């Protein structure tokens, strides 16, 4: 009898990362990105209103410059 692993459901707002480097200068942004779940982005982000990204960890910005 074979059984597969039982994985928990995916995060509602999975982590993502953007990375930029130029010679020795480095910038990295780590953030949670929302899942649209069939909704339009305009439903989640009203125009001209403050909105936070993700529902998990806080956004982190790291800038390294020697």
Protein backbone atom coordinates (compact mmCIF):
# COMPACT_ATOMS: atom_id res chain seq x y z
CA UNK A 1 0.00 0.00 0.00
CA UNK A 2 1.41 3.39 -1.00
CA UNK A 3 0.62 6.67 0.70
CA UNK A 4 1.59 10.17 -0.27
CA UNK A 5 2.62 12.90 2.15
CA UNK A 6 -0.10 15.04 3.64
CA UNK A 7 0.99 18.66 3.03
CA UNK A 8 -0.80 21.54 4.78
CA UNK A 9 -2.62 24.09 2.65
CA UNK A 10 -0.56 26.81 1.00
CA UNK A 11 -0.08 30.11 2.80
CA UNK A 12 -2.79 32.64 2.10
CA UNK A 13 -0.02 35.13 1.27
CA UNK A 14 3.12 33.21 0.25
CA UNK A 15 6.55 34.82 0.70
CA UNK A 16 8.35 36.27 -2.32
CA UNK A 17 11.64 38.08 -2.85
CA UNK A 18 12.98 40.70 -5.28
CA UNK A 19 16.76 41.05 -5.56
CA UNK A 20 18.94 43.65 -7.30
CA UNK A 21 22.71 43.82 -7.40
CA UNK A 22 25.18 46.09 -9.13
CA UNK A 23 28.83 45.37 -8.45
CA UNK A 24 29.04 45.48 -4.61
CA UNK A 25 25.71 47.22 -4.02
CA UNK A 26 22.81 44.90 -3.19
CA UNK A 27 19.13 45.51 -2.47
CA UNK A 28 16.69 42.78 -1.42
CA UNK A 29 12.97 43.08 -0.66
CA UNK A 30 11.22 40.14 1.03
CA UNK A 31 7.43 40.34 1.19
CA UNK A 32 4.21 38.34 1.35
CA UNK A 33 2.18 38.48 -1.85
CA UNK A 34 -1.59 38.14 -1.75
CA UNK A 35 -3.49 35.44 -3.60
CA UNK A 36 -6.28 36.84 -5.76
CA UNK A 37 -8.45 33.69 -5.48
CA UNK A 38 -10.43 34.67 -8.57
CA UNK A 39 -10.87 38.31 -7.48
CA UNK A 40 -9.70 41.34 -9.40
CA UNK A 41 -6.82 43.33 -7.92
CA UNK A 42 -9.02 46.45 -7.83
CA UNK A 43 -11.32 44.65 -5.36
CA UNK A 44 -8.44 44.18 -2.92
CA UNK A 45 -6.61 47.47 -3.47
CA UNK A 46 -8.95 50.48 -3.64
CA UNK A 47 -7.49 53.41 -5.59
CA UNK A 48 -5.82 56.20 -3.58
CA UNK A 49 -5.97 54.32 -0.28
CA UNK A 50 -3.18 52.97 1.92
CA UNK A 51 -2.94 49.20 1.57
CA UNK A 52 -0.48 46.71 3.02
CA UNK A 53 0.88 43.76 1.08
CA UNK A 54 0.40 40.30 2.47
CA UNK A 55 -1.04 38.96 5.68
CA UNK A 56 1.98 37.18 7.13
CA UNK A 57 5.43 38.57 7.93
CA UNK A 58 6.21 42.28 7.61
CA UNK A 59 7.93 43.46 4.45
CA UNK A 60 11.73 43.62 4.82
CA UNK A 61 14.01 45.86 2.77
CA UNK A 62 17.78 45.33 2.98
CA UNK A 63 20.23 47.65 1.23
CA UNK A 64 23.90 46.77 1.39
CA UNK A 65 26.52 49.21 0.18
CA UNK A 66 30.22 48.89 1.09
